[in-house]
């Protein structure tokens, strides 16, 4: 029977603050799944660039929690719509700046992990 999708989530690290961030766990899970199921990401998505990174690292889609709830608390349905519009615009900007014309063009090549070491001459 199997499964058709896997949700990578840690509930915003509320329960276990020492666990890996979902974005950090995502690449290994995508690799382990190896295309046998869709992989979704939940947790830590606050900006359109977070959506871009998740898609680049292999997520099929992202789930939203806090941003939507913040919008709802602020302005009800209109606030939720505004949050979704902002995230969409930020994702479009990330795609524009990276030269990706469609979602399918987003790849791991657009994400740098870690910080390069400083030159020893500094």
Protein backbone atom coordinates (compact mmCIF):
# COMPACT_ATOMS: atom_id res chain seq x y z
CA UNK A 1 0.00 0.00 0.00
CA UNK A 2 2.74 2.52 0.92
CA UNK A 3 2.16 6.25 1.17
CA UNK A 4 1.79 9.03 -1.35
CA UNK A 5 3.33 11.81 0.69
CA UNK A 6 5.54 12.61 3.66
CA UNK A 7 5.20 15.73 5.79
CA UNK A 8 8.49 16.93 7.24
CA UNK A 9 7.50 18.79 10.41
CA UNK A 10 8.67 19.46 13.93
CA UNK A 11 5.73 21.58 15.11
CA UNK A 12 7.82 24.74 15.11
CA UNK A 13 10.21 23.12 17.58
CA UNK A 14 7.69 23.75 20.34
CA UNK A 15 7.90 20.20 21.67
CA UNK A 16 11.62 19.49 21.19
CA UNK A 17 13.76 22.59 20.88
CA UNK A 18 16.93 20.59 20.18
CA UNK A 19 15.74 18.89 16.98
CA UNK A 20 16.91 19.86 13.52
CA UNK A 21 14.99 22.55 11.67
CA UNK A 22 12.73 21.08 9.02
CA UNK A 23 14.67 22.83 6.24
CA UNK A 24 17.86 21.15 7.51
CA UNK A 25 16.24 17.70 7.62
CA UNK A 26 14.57 18.07 4.22
CA UNK A 27 17.44 17.13 1.83
CA UNK A 28 18.16 13.81 3.56
CA UNK A 29 14.48 12.88 3.60
CA UNK A 30 14.04 13.77 -0.07
CA UNK A 31 17.07 11.63 -0.87
CA UNK A 32 15.77 8.69 1.19
CA UNK A 33 12.32 8.88 -0.42
CA UNK A 34 13.96 8.90 -3.87
CA UNK A 35 10.83 9.96 -5.75
CA UNK A 36 8.60 7.21 -4.33
CA UNK A 37 6.37 9.78 -2.61
CA UNK A 38 5.89 13.52 -2.55
CA UNK A 39 7.63 15.36 0.29
CA UNK A 40 6.05 18.40 1.94
CA UNK A 41 7.61 20.82 4.42
CA UNK A 42 5.97 22.35 7.47
CA UNK A 43 7.71 24.57 9.98
CA UNK A 44 9.79 27.70 9.79
CA UNK A 45 8.14 29.12 6.67
CA UNK A 46 7.83 32.84 7.27
CA UNK A 47 8.80 34.43 3.93
CA UNK A 48 8.57 33.68 0.24
CA UNK A 49 12.30 32.97 0.25
CA UNK A 50 11.62 30.15 2.73
CA UNK A 51 9.18 28.69 0.21
CA UNK A 52 11.82 29.04 -2.52
CA UNK A 53 14.44 27.24 -0.41
CA UNK A 54 12.06 24.41 0.46
CA UNK A 55 11.13 23.89 -3.19
CA UNK A 56 14.80 24.05 -4.19
CA UNK A 57 15.67 21.35 -1.65
CA UNK A 58 12.97 19.01 -2.93
CA UNK A 59 9.69 19.83 -1.20
CA UNK A 60 6.66 19.54 -3.45
CA UNK A 61 4.83 22.17 -1.37
CA UNK A 62 4.96 23.89 2.00
CA UNK A 63 2.39 24.13 4.76
CA UNK A 64 1.84 27.36 6.64
CA UNK A 65 0.95 27.86 10.28
CA UNK A 66 1.97 30.98 12.15
CA UNK A 67 1.94 33.47 9.25
CA UNK A 68 -1.65 32.54 8.41
CA UNK A 69 -2.71 32.62 12.06
CA UNK A 70 -1.05 36.01 12.55
CA UNK A 71 -2.93 37.35 9.52
CA UNK A 72 -6.18 35.88 10.83
CA UNK A 73 -5.66 37.40 14.28
CA UNK A 74 -4.86 40.80 12.80
CA UNK A 75 -7.54 41.18 10.14
CA UNK A 76 -9.57 38.00 9.82
CA UNK A 77 -10.05 36.58 6.34
CA UNK A 78 -8.58 39.71 4.74
CA UNK A 79 -5.44 39.27 6.87
CA UNK A 80 -5.01 35.68 5.71
CA UNK A 81 -5.43 36.77 2.09
CA UNK A 82 -2.86 39.52 2.63
CA UNK A 83 -0.32 37.09 4.15
CA UNK A 84 -0.75 34.71 1.21
CA UNK A 85 -0.40 37.59 -1.25
CA UNK A 86 2.81 38.78 0.43
CA UNK A 87 4.32 35.27 0.47
CA UNK A 88 3.42 34.83 -3.19
CA UNK A 89 5.00 38.17 -4.12
CA UNK A 90 8.16 37.33 -2.16
CA UNK A 91 8.38 33.96 -3.91
CA UNK A 92 7.96 35.68 -7.29
CA UNK A 93 10.77 38.11 -6.39
CA UNK A 94 13.06 35.24 -5.36
CA UNK A 95 12.33 33.54 -8.67
CA UNK A 96 12.97 36.76 -10.59
CA UNK A 97 16.27 37.41 -8.81
CA UNK A 98 17.41 33.81 -9.38
CA UNK A 99 16.36 33.73 -13.03
CA UNK A 100 13.85 30.93 -12.57
CA UNK A 101 10.83 31.35 -14.84
CA UNK A 102 8.71 28.55 -13.39
CA UNK A 103 8.57 26.52 -10.20
CA UNK A 104 10.03 23.50 -12.00
CA UNK A 105 13.20 25.55 -12.68
CA UNK A 106 13.97 25.92 -8.96
CA UNK A 107 16.77 23.50 -8.04
CA UNK A 108 19.25 22.83 -5.21
CA UNK A 109 21.84 24.86 -7.14
CA UNK A 110 20.10 28.00 -5.88
CA UNK A 111 20.66 27.21 -2.19
CA UNK A 112 24.01 27.55 -0.43
CA UNK A 113 24.28 25.74 2.85
CA UNK A 114 26.72 26.82 5.52
CA UNK A 115 29.04 29.77 5.59
CA UNK A 116 32.35 29.68 3.73
CA UNK A 117 35.43 30.17 5.92
CA UNK A 118 37.07 33.58 6.04
CA UNK A 119 40.37 33.95 4.22
CA UNK A 120 43.32 33.44 6.56
CA UNK A 121 44.67 36.89 5.63
CA UNK A 122 41.89 38.65 7.58
